[in-house]
């Protein structure tokens, strides 16, 4: 008997009113601990699909299955990191991270502090635990959000353009950090972006969507081409440039078909 897929979009359809957002039937399987980027034009439905995994939206038909069971509302197995800096200004950095474990009755207070320290160290904020969010940069606040989601015990990270509001240099730095974090603390990640270079640099696998209603134009195994170890020098390689160009042409062709 074949193993049950870890995360599965099974025959999904999604409508907003009479308008289809996701073309039926939409099927996709994501393996455990795989970093998958959803790439496509604005409004194509990629964020809607991610929100359905998080339990923030429901399919009109079909189901999202996690280890064979339909997902319900939000829970700590599926954590979300948004573009906006979602920290609590009245709490310190450490307290913000510990807030993600607020409802974990299986952890003692000392264990929560240990987990907070571990994940703050993992995201490079070991010395900023006592600081308040208004005393740190925007990039640091995004690291706090990532640490809080990891500390909560999330198996799946759902990241909706989390670096979109950052300047180009800081965005590159956090992309490198996220690759490092995934190497050290592997999670299943769905990363929504419309930035081709970001998708190719970060992901093990890139799903390229058409304009709305969303259908899959390409499913590309990036790791098979670039390998798993990435640094800023990766962007200068011929393989990276080739992938970037191929995907850009794909997106431009899709846009021309609907223009």
Protein backbone atom coordinates (compact mmCIF):
# COMPACT_ATOMS: atom_id res chain seq x y z
CA UNK A 1 0.00 0.00 0.00
CA UNK A 2 1.38 3.41 -0.96
CA UNK A 3 2.14 5.82 1.91
CA UNK A 4 -0.33 8.57 2.74
CA UNK A 5 0.85 11.95 1.36
CA UNK A 6 1.93 14.41 4.05
CA UNK A 7 0.03 17.45 2.72
CA UNK A 8 -2.45 17.17 -0.09
CA UNK A 9 -4.74 19.48 -2.05
CA UNK A 10 -7.38 16.99 -3.14
CA UNK A 11 -9.75 18.11 -5.91
CA UNK A 12 -9.87 21.71 -4.71
CA UNK A 13 -12.24 24.30 -6.18
CA UNK A 14 -12.62 27.82 -4.80
CA UNK A 15 -15.12 30.51 -5.73
CA UNK A 16 -15.58 34.04 -4.41
CA UNK A 17 -19.16 34.69 -5.37
CA UNK A 18 -19.46 33.55 -8.99
CA UNK A 19 -15.75 34.11 -9.73
CA UNK A 20 -13.45 31.07 -9.71
CA UNK A 21 -10.21 31.65 -7.83
CA UNK A 22 -8.86 28.13 -8.15
CA UNK A 23 -9.73 26.12 -11.25
CA UNK A 24 -11.19 22.68 -10.61
CA UNK A 25 -10.01 20.14 -9.89
CA UNK A 26 -6.80 21.40 -8.25
CA UNK A 27 -4.50 18.63 -7.01
CA UNK A 28 -1.09 18.97 -5.39
CA UNK A 29 0.98 16.93 -2.95
CA UNK A 30 3.72 18.35 -0.70
CA UNK A 31 6.23 16.14 1.12
CA UNK A 32 7.18 16.55 4.77
CA UNK A 33 10.01 19.05 5.41
CA UNK A 34 9.90 20.31 1.82
CA UNK A 35 10.27 24.05 1.11
CA UNK A 36 7.74 24.89 -1.61
CA UNK A 37 7.33 28.33 -3.17
CA UNK A 38 4.01 29.35 -4.72
CA UNK A 39 4.92 31.75 -7.51
CA UNK A 40 2.60 33.67 -9.76
CA UNK A 41 1.08 37.03 -10.65
CA UNK A 42 -0.78 39.11 -8.07
CA UNK A 43 -4.33 37.90 -7.54
CA UNK A 44 -3.75 34.47 -9.08
CA UNK A 45 -4.98 32.54 -6.03
CA UNK A 46 -1.69 31.44 -4.42
CA UNK A 47 -2.41 33.18 -1.10
CA UNK A 48 -5.94 31.75 -1.05
CA UNK A 49 -4.51 28.25 -1.41
CA UNK A 50 -2.06 28.90 1.44
CA UNK A 51 -4.83 30.30 3.66
CA UNK A 52 -6.82 27.10 3.10
CA UNK A 53 -3.87 25.08 4.46
CA UNK A 54 -3.85 27.36 7.50
CA UNK A 55 -7.58 26.90 8.10
CA UNK A 56 -8.28 30.60 7.50
CA UNK A 57 -10.29 29.86 4.36
CA UNK A 58 -12.32 26.90 3.13
CA UNK A 59 -12.43 25.29 -0.31
CA UNK A 60 -15.74 25.46 -2.14
CA UNK A 61 -15.22 21.79 -3.00
CA UNK A 62 -12.52 19.23 -2.34
CA UNK A 63 -10.33 19.06 0.76
CA UNK A 64 -6.93 19.90 2.23
CA UNK A 65 -5.56 16.75 3.84
CA UNK A 66 -2.77 16.61 6.41
CA UNK A 67 -1.50 13.04 6.79
CA UNK A 68 -4.81 11.88 5.31
CA UNK A 69 -7.09 13.88 7.64
CA UNK A 70 -9.01 16.98 6.52
CA UNK A 71 -7.68 20.17 8.10
CA UNK A 72 -10.05 22.24 10.19
CA UNK A 73 -9.53 25.67 11.67
CA UNK A 74 -6.13 27.09 12.64
CA UNK A 75 -3.98 25.09 15.05
CA UNK A 76 -0.37 25.15 16.20
CA UNK A 77 0.69 22.49 13.71
CA UNK A 78 0.28 25.13 10.99
CA UNK A 79 1.84 28.51 11.79
CA UNK A 80 1.59 31.64 9.66
CA UNK A 81 4.05 34.49 9.06
CA UNK A 82 2.62 37.49 7.23
CA UNK A 83 4.16 40.43 5.39
CA UNK A 84 3.24 42.83 8.18
CA UNK A 85 5.30 42.76 11.37
CA UNK A 86 2.95 40.91 13.70
CA UNK A 87 4.61 41.57 17.05
CA UNK A 88 2.98 42.84 20.24
CA UNK A 89 4.58 46.21 21.08
CA UNK A 90 3.87 45.95 24.82
CA UNK A 91 5.80 42.65 25.08
CA UNK A 92 9.56 42.17 24.89
CA UNK A 93 11.08 40.12 22.09
CA UNK A 94 11.35 37.10 24.41
CA UNK A 95 7.75 37.54 25.59
CA UNK A 96 6.56 37.78 21.98
CA UNK A 97 8.19 34.44 21.22
CA UNK A 98 6.78 32.88 24.39
CA UNK A 99 3.30 34.12 23.45
CA UNK A 100 3.30 31.51 20.68
CA UNK A 101 3.39 28.84 23.43
CA UNK A 102 0.70 30.47 25.59
CA UNK A 103 -1.78 27.61 25.20
CA UNK A 104 0.74 24.76 25.32
CA UNK A 105 -0.19 22.96 28.54
CA UNK A 106 2.36 20.25 27.76
CA UNK A 107 5.26 22.61 28.52
CA UNK A 108 6.36 23.91 31.90
CA UNK A 109 7.28 27.64 32.18
CA UNK A 110 10.98 26.76 32.31
CA UNK A 111 10.63 24.67 29.13
CA UNK A 112 8.92 27.57 27.37
CA UNK A 113 11.78 29.87 28.30
CA UNK A 114 14.28 27.30 27.02
CA UNK A 115 12.42 26.99 23.71
CA UNK A 116 12.20 30.77 23.37
CA UNK A 117 15.96 31.07 23.96
CA UNK A 118 16.67 28.29 21.46
CA UNK A 119 14.65 29.85 18.65
CA UNK A 120 15.84 33.37 19.34
CA UNK A 121 19.37 32.03 18.97
CA UNK A 122 18.36 30.20 15.78
CA UNK A 123 17.09 33.42 14.15
CA UNK A 124 20.11 35.43 15.33
CA UNK A 125 18.40 37.40 18.11
CA UNK A 126 19.95 35.80 21.19
CA UNK A 127 20.95 39.16 22.68
CA UNK A 128 17.66 40.96 21.97
CA UNK A 129 15.29 39.06 24.27
CA UNK A 130 14.80 42.00 26.70
CA UNK A 131 14.25 44.54 23.89
CA UNK A 132 10.85 45.86 22.85
CA UNK A 133 9.78 45.66 19.18
CA UNK A 134 9.99 49.44 18.70
CA UNK A 135 13.71 49.25 19.54
CA UNK A 136 14.61 46.77 16.80
CA UNK A 137 14.52 46.91 12.99
CA UNK A 138 11.76 45.66 10.71
CA UNK A 139 13.90 42.73 9.66
CA UNK A 140 14.43 41.77 13.28
CA UNK A 141 10.69 41.96 13.92
CA UNK A 142 10.14 39.48 11.09
CA UNK A 143 12.70 37.19 12.72
CA UNK A 144 10.71 37.46 15.96
CA UNK A 145 7.57 36.36 14.08
CA UNK A 146 9.44 33.38 12.62
CA UNK A 147 10.87 32.43 16.03
CA UNK A 148 7.41 32.68 17.63
CA UNK A 149 5.92 30.36 15.00
CA UNK A 150 8.75 27.84 15.36
CA UNK A 151 8.60 27.92 19.17
CA UNK A 152 4.86 27.23 19.09
CA UNK A 153 5.70 23.82 17.65
CA UNK A 154 4.43 24.40 14.13
CA UNK A 155 5.26 21.60 11.71
CA UNK A 156 4.20 23.68 8.71
CA UNK A 157 5.20 27.32 8.16
CA UNK A 158 2.89 29.30 5.90
CA UNK A 159 4.71 32.44 4.80
CA UNK A 160 2.81 35.08 2.83
CA UNK A 161 5.41 37.38 1.22
CA UNK A 162 7.10 37.86 4.62
CA UNK A 163 9.98 39.91 3.21
CA UNK A 164 7.93 42.00 0.79
CA UNK A 165 8.06 45.20 2.86
CA UNK A 166 11.83 45.11 3.37
CA UNK A 167 14.53 46.88 1.38
CA UNK A 168 16.48 44.80 -1.15
CA UNK A 169 19.63 44.27 0.94
CA UNK A 170 17.76 43.26 4.09
CA UNK A 171 15.50 41.01 2.05
CA UNK A 172 18.55 39.16 0.70
CA UNK A 173 19.98 38.79 4.20
CA UNK A 174 16.76 37.27 5.53
CA UNK A 175 16.49 34.95 2.56
CA UNK A 176 19.93 33.56 3.43
CA UNK A 177 18.87 33.30 7.08
CA UNK A 178 15.70 31.41 6.18
CA UNK A 179 17.67 28.88 4.13
CA UNK A 180 20.00 28.40 7.11
CA UNK A 181 17.09 27.99 9.52
CA UNK A 182 15.49 25.39 7.25
CA UNK A 183 18.78 23.47 7.16
CA UNK A 184 19.06 23.46 10.97
CA UNK A 185 15.39 23.05 11.93
CA UNK A 186 13.66 21.50 8.92
CA UNK A 187 9.98 22.32 8.54
CA UNK A 188 7.45 22.00 5.78
CA UNK A 189 7.24 25.50 4.31
CA UNK A 190 4.81 27.04 1.83
CA UNK A 191 6.21 30.40 0.80
CA UNK A 192 3.99 32.70 -1.27
CA UNK A 193 5.76 35.24 -3.48
CA UNK A 194 5.56 36.95 -6.86
CA UNK A 195 9.35 37.47 -6.91
CA UNK A 196 10.98 34.95 -9.27
CA UNK A 197 14.51 35.32 -7.87
CA UNK A 198 13.25 34.90 -4.31
CA UNK A 199 11.37 31.72 -5.21
CA UNK A 200 14.32 30.16 -7.06
CA UNK A 201 16.79 31.05 -4.30
CA UNK A 202 14.70 29.83 -1.37
CA UNK A 203 12.70 26.84 -2.48
CA UNK A 204 13.34 23.15 -2.93
CA UNK A 205 10.41 23.18 -5.33
CA UNK A 206 8.65 26.01 -7.17
CA UNK A 207 5.00 25.80 -8.24
CA UNK A 208 4.30 28.32 -11.00
CA UNK A 209 0.67 29.43 -11.26
CA UNK A 210 -1.29 30.91 -14.12
CA UNK A 211 -3.32 34.10 -13.72
CA UNK A 212 -6.69 33.58 -12.00
CA UNK A 213 -8.26 31.09 -11.91
CA UNK A 214 -5.14 29.32 -10.66
CA UNK A 215 -3.84 26.30 -12.52
CA UNK A 216 -0.33 24.90 -12.22
CA UNK A 217 1.83 25.93 -15.17
CA UNK A 218 4.99 24.25 -13.91
CA UNK A 219 6.26 22.20 -10.97
CA UNK A 220 10.05 22.64 -10.84
CA UNK A 221 12.49 20.66 -8.66
CA UNK A 222 14.95 23.45 -7.82
CA UNK A 223 17.14 21.34 -5.53
CA UNK A 224 17.81 18.87 -8.34
CA UNK A 225 19.30 21.75 -10.34
CA UNK A 226 20.89 24.05 -7.74
CA UNK A 227 21.45 21.67 -4.84
CA UNK A 228 20.37 22.36 -1.27
CA UNK A 229 23.22 24.61 -0.08
CA UNK A 230 22.62 28.21 -1.18
CA UNK A 231 24.40 31.50 -0.54
CA UNK A 232 24.38 34.87 -2.27
CA UNK A 233 26.90 33.55 -4.78
CA UNK A 234 24.25 31.09 -5.98
CA UNK A 235 22.51 33.98 -7.71
CA UNK A 236 25.55 34.53 -9.96
CA UNK A 237 25.60 30.99 -11.32
CA UNK A 238 24.50 29.99 -14.81
CA UNK A 239 21.99 27.45 -13.44
CA UNK A 240 20.29 30.11 -11.31
CA UNK A 241 20.18 32.57 -14.20
CA UNK A 242 18.75 29.89 -16.50
CA UNK A 243 15.97 28.98 -14.08
CA UNK A 244 15.11 32.62 -13.45
CA UNK A 245 14.90 33.33 -17.18
CA UNK A 246 12.84 30.23 -17.91
CA UNK A 247 10.28 31.05 -15.24
CA UNK A 248 10.07 34.72 -16.22
CA UNK A 249 9.31 33.72 -19.81
CA UNK A 250 6.67 31.30 -18.53
CA UNK A 251 4.95 34.04 -16.51
CA UNK A 252 5.11 36.51 -19.38
CA UNK A 253 3.57 33.98 -21.77
CA UNK A 254 0.75 33.27 -19.33
CA UNK A 255 0.08 37.00 -18.93
CA UNK A 256 0.03 37.49 -22.71
CA UNK A 257 -2.56 34.73 -23.11
CA UNK A 258 -5.06 36.56 -20.90
CA UNK A 259 -4.27 40.13 -22.03
